[in-house]
Protein backbone atom coordinates (compact mmCIF):
# COMPACT_ATOMS: atom_id res chain seq x y z
CA MET A 1 -20.91 6.29 13.83
CA ALA A 2 -17.85 7.69 15.59
CA PRO A 3 -16.19 5.67 18.35
CA LEU A 4 -17.06 6.88 21.85
CA GLY A 5 -14.64 9.62 22.92
CA ALA A 6 -13.17 10.11 19.45
CA THR A 7 -12.21 13.60 18.31
CA PRO A 8 -13.52 14.87 14.94
CA LEU A 9 -10.10 14.20 13.37
CA GLU A 10 -10.06 10.63 14.70
CA CYS A 11 -13.54 10.13 13.24
CA LEU A 12 -12.24 11.22 9.86
CA HIS A 13 -9.42 8.67 10.09
CA VAL A 14 -11.88 5.90 10.95
CA ILE A 15 -13.87 6.70 7.82
CA THR A 16 -11.06 7.28 5.32
CA VAL A 17 -8.11 5.20 6.57
CA HIS A 18 -8.80 1.69 7.79
CA THR A 19 -6.31 -0.75 9.31
CA ILE A 20 -6.45 -4.48 9.94
CA PRO A 21 -3.53 -5.02 12.36
CA ASP A 22 -2.74 -8.73 11.86
CA ALA A 23 -4.01 -9.50 8.37
CA PHE A 24 -0.84 -11.40 7.46
CA THR A 25 1.22 -13.49 9.90
CA PRO A 26 4.98 -12.98 10.33
CA ALA A 27 5.53 -16.34 8.60
CA GLU A 28 3.45 -15.21 5.60
CA CYS A 29 5.39 -11.93 5.50
CA ASP A 30 8.64 -13.96 5.51
CA VAL A 31 7.43 -15.97 2.51
CA ILE A 32 6.43 -12.87 0.54
CA VAL A 33 9.69 -11.04 1.32
CA GLY A 34 11.61 -14.19 0.34
CA ILE A 35 9.75 -14.30 -2.97
CA ALA A 36 10.65 -10.65 -3.59
CA ARG A 37 14.32 -11.27 -2.73
CA ASP A 38 14.52 -14.27 -5.08
CA ALA A 39 12.67 -12.69 -8.02
CA GLU A 40 14.16 -10.26 -10.49
CA SER A 41 13.15 -6.77 -9.42
CA GLN A 42 12.46 -3.72 -11.56
CA ASP A 43 13.24 -0.09 -10.88
CA ALA A 44 10.01 1.58 -9.76
CA ARG A 45 8.32 3.90 -12.22
CA LEU A 46 5.45 6.35 -12.12
CA VAL A 47 2.10 6.01 -13.89
CA GLY A 48 2.76 6.16 -17.62
CA LEU A 49 6.08 4.28 -17.21
CA ALA A 50 7.99 7.50 -16.47
CA LYS A 51 11.01 7.19 -14.17
CA ASP A 52 11.82 10.01 -11.74
CA HIS A 53 14.09 9.14 -8.82
CA ASP A 54 13.37 12.49 -7.19
CA ILE A 55 9.76 11.31 -6.75
CA ARG A 56 10.11 7.54 -6.41
CA ARG A 57 13.07 5.32 -5.64
CA ALA A 58 12.32 1.64 -4.97
CA ASP A 59 12.70 -1.86 -6.38
CA LEU A 60 9.51 -3.70 -7.39
CA VAL A 61 8.46 -7.30 -7.90
CA TRP A 62 5.03 -7.89 -9.47
CA LEU A 63 3.51 -11.04 -7.92
CA ASP A 64 1.60 -12.01 -11.08
CA ASP A 65 5.02 -12.64 -12.62
CA VAL A 66 5.94 -15.16 -9.89
CA GLU A 67 4.53 -18.70 -9.81
CA GLY A 68 2.96 -19.98 -6.62
CA THR A 69 1.69 -16.62 -5.35
CA ASP A 70 -2.04 -17.12 -6.02
CA TRP A 71 -2.64 -17.55 -2.29
CA VAL A 72 -1.52 -13.94 -1.72
CA MET A 73 -4.16 -12.61 -4.12
CA ASN A 74 -6.82 -14.79 -2.51
CA ARG A 75 -5.99 -13.27 0.89
CA ILE A 76 -6.04 -9.77 -0.60
CA ILE A 77 -9.47 -10.32 -2.17
CA ASP A 78 -10.88 -11.50 1.16
CA ALA A 79 -9.42 -8.52 3.05
CA VAL A 80 -10.67 -5.98 0.48
CA ARG A 81 -14.14 -7.54 0.49
CA VAL A 82 -14.42 -7.11 4.27
CA ALA A 83 -12.89 -3.60 4.40
CA ASN A 84 -15.02 -2.33 1.55
CA ARG A 85 -18.21 -3.78 3.00
CA GLU A 86 -17.56 -2.51 6.53
CA VAL A 87 -15.93 0.87 5.84
CA PHE A 88 -15.81 2.27 2.31
CA ASP A 89 -18.79 0.94 0.31
CA PHE A 90 -17.11 1.72 -3.04
CA GLU A 91 -18.32 0.19 -6.29
CA ILE A 92 -15.47 -2.25 -6.93
CA ARG A 93 -15.53 -4.56 -9.93
CA GLU A 94 -12.08 -6.09 -10.30
CA PHE A 95 -8.39 -6.25 -9.47
CA ALA A 96 -6.92 -5.17 -12.79
CA GLU A 97 -3.29 -4.85 -11.69
CA SER A 98 -0.83 -7.23 -10.12
CA PRO A 99 0.08 -6.80 -6.46
CA GLN A 100 3.56 -5.29 -6.17
CA VAL A 101 6.16 -5.89 -3.50
CA ALA A 102 8.29 -2.78 -3.03
CA ARG A 103 11.70 -2.68 -1.40
CA TYR A 104 12.80 0.70 -0.08
CA GLY A 105 16.51 0.45 0.78
CA ALA A 106 18.71 2.92 2.65
CA GLU A 107 21.52 2.51 0.09
CA ARG A 108 19.29 4.41 -2.40
CA LYS A 109 17.35 6.45 0.18
CA GLY A 110 14.27 4.59 -1.05
CA HIS A 111 11.14 6.73 -0.94
CA PHE A 112 7.97 7.78 -2.78
CA ASP A 113 7.07 11.45 -2.50
CA TRP A 114 3.50 12.79 -2.08
CA HIS A 115 1.15 11.39 -4.69
CA SER A 116 -2.26 9.82 -5.20
CA ASP A 117 -2.75 6.45 -6.86
CA ILE A 118 -5.30 7.67 -9.38
CA GLY A 119 -3.47 8.68 -12.55
CA GLU A 120 -3.87 9.20 -16.25
CA GLY A 121 -3.19 5.62 -17.27
CA LEU A 122 -6.04 3.36 -18.39
CA LEU A 123 -5.91 1.23 -15.22
CA ALA A 124 -4.69 3.94 -12.85
CA ARG A 125 -7.78 6.08 -13.46
CA GLN A 126 -9.97 3.15 -12.35
CA ARG A 127 -8.26 2.67 -8.99
CA LYS A 128 -10.76 3.05 -6.14
CA LEU A 129 -9.22 1.50 -3.05
CA THR A 130 -5.52 1.19 -2.20
CA MET A 131 -4.23 -1.54 0.10
CA VAL A 132 -0.71 -1.45 1.59
CA ILE A 133 0.60 -4.35 3.68
CA GLN A 134 3.54 -3.80 6.01
CA MET A 135 5.98 -6.68 5.35
CA SER A 136 8.93 -5.61 7.53
CA GLU A 137 9.44 -5.32 11.26
CA PRO A 138 9.61 -1.64 12.29
CA SER A 139 13.03 -2.37 13.85
CA ASP A 140 14.41 -3.40 10.43
CA TYR A 141 14.66 0.20 9.19
CA THR A 142 14.47 3.88 10.07
CA GLY A 143 12.50 6.38 8.02
CA GLY A 144 10.28 4.67 5.47
CA LEU A 145 7.01 5.75 7.06
CA LEU A 146 3.84 5.43 5.03
CA GLU A 147 2.20 8.79 5.69
CA LEU A 148 -1.32 9.72 4.61
CA MET A 149 -3.09 13.05 4.31
CA PRO A 150 -6.82 12.43 4.82
CA SER A 151 -7.40 16.13 5.51
CA ASN A 152 -5.09 19.01 6.39
CA SER A 153 -3.02 16.86 8.74
CA VAL A 154 -0.66 13.96 8.17
CA ILE A 155 -1.00 10.58 9.88
CA ALA A 156 1.38 7.61 9.83
CA ALA A 157 0.13 4.15 8.88
CA ASP A 158 0.43 1.24 11.28
CA GLN A 159 4.01 -0.07 11.18
CA ARG A 160 3.30 -3.45 12.76
CA ARG A 161 4.37 -6.33 10.57
CA GLY A 162 1.40 -7.87 8.75
CA ALA A 163 -0.81 -4.79 9.21
CA VAL A 164 -2.91 -3.75 6.23
CA THR A 165 -3.79 -0.11 5.62
CA PHE A 166 -6.68 0.73 3.29
CA PHE A 167 -7.47 4.18 1.91
CA PRO A 168 -9.24 5.72 -1.08
CA SER A 169 -6.87 5.80 -4.05
CA TYR A 170 -7.37 9.55 -4.44
CA MET A 171 -5.84 10.25 -1.00
CA LEU A 172 -2.41 11.89 -0.94
CA HIS A 173 0.25 9.68 0.66
CA ARG A 174 3.99 9.12 0.64
CA VAL A 175 6.79 6.87 1.88
CA THR A 176 9.47 8.91 3.64
CA PRO A 177 13.12 8.19 2.76
CA VAL A 178 14.61 5.09 4.38
CA THR A 179 17.76 6.18 6.20
CA SER A 180 18.92 2.79 7.49
CA GLY A 181 17.99 -0.81 6.72
CA GLU A 182 15.23 -1.72 4.30
CA ARG A 183 11.43 -1.71 4.28
CA PHE A 184 9.26 -4.12 2.30
CA SER A 185 5.60 -3.49 1.58
CA LEU A 186 2.98 -5.07 -0.64
CA THR A 187 0.55 -2.78 -2.49
CA THR A 188 -2.44 -3.45 -4.68
CA TRP A 189 -5.54 -1.65 -5.87
CA ALA A 190 -9.21 -2.51 -6.29
CA HIS A 191 -10.72 -1.04 -9.45
CA GLY A 192 -14.15 0.23 -10.44
CA PRO A 193 -16.02 2.97 -12.27
CA ALA A 194 -15.13 6.62 -11.71
CA PHE A 195 -16.02 8.25 -8.40
CA ARG A 196 -19.26 10.26 -8.60
């Protein structure tokens, strides 16, 4: 049911884009960003291991490769369970990919152009629900907005530190170029059978 006083477009956002504002504390964000800074990062690629800096320019750390990060996945599982039960009701069976911490830096004009998270790869085609956690303070960077296109309009995700944004993995979204500073985010996907 739509919130009282909501416009039809706002109702659509409630159904297809869901935010939990304070899912991670600033201290937890500090720990995760510290882990990403200390770990060896990889140049971001597209599904199928292709590299195209015109589409995506970021540095990634996969948390499964870092010891002592199990607590992050436990928090993610809890958050996805609640969001899926209360909002999406997708058939989700597993988390088949590691959570990734992305760093979008101004020195490279870090960005990720319009795309969906469902792709041709074996795991990418099973993605059902995307979860993006804002790890940086909005004052740490300019640009770097996570923008989503749930219909014919574009909305910006919550920029508050620790906020989690959920959306169906088929939804078009992008990260606009970072023009100053750096933005960290943590992304993962819940997997299941094909949409019907």
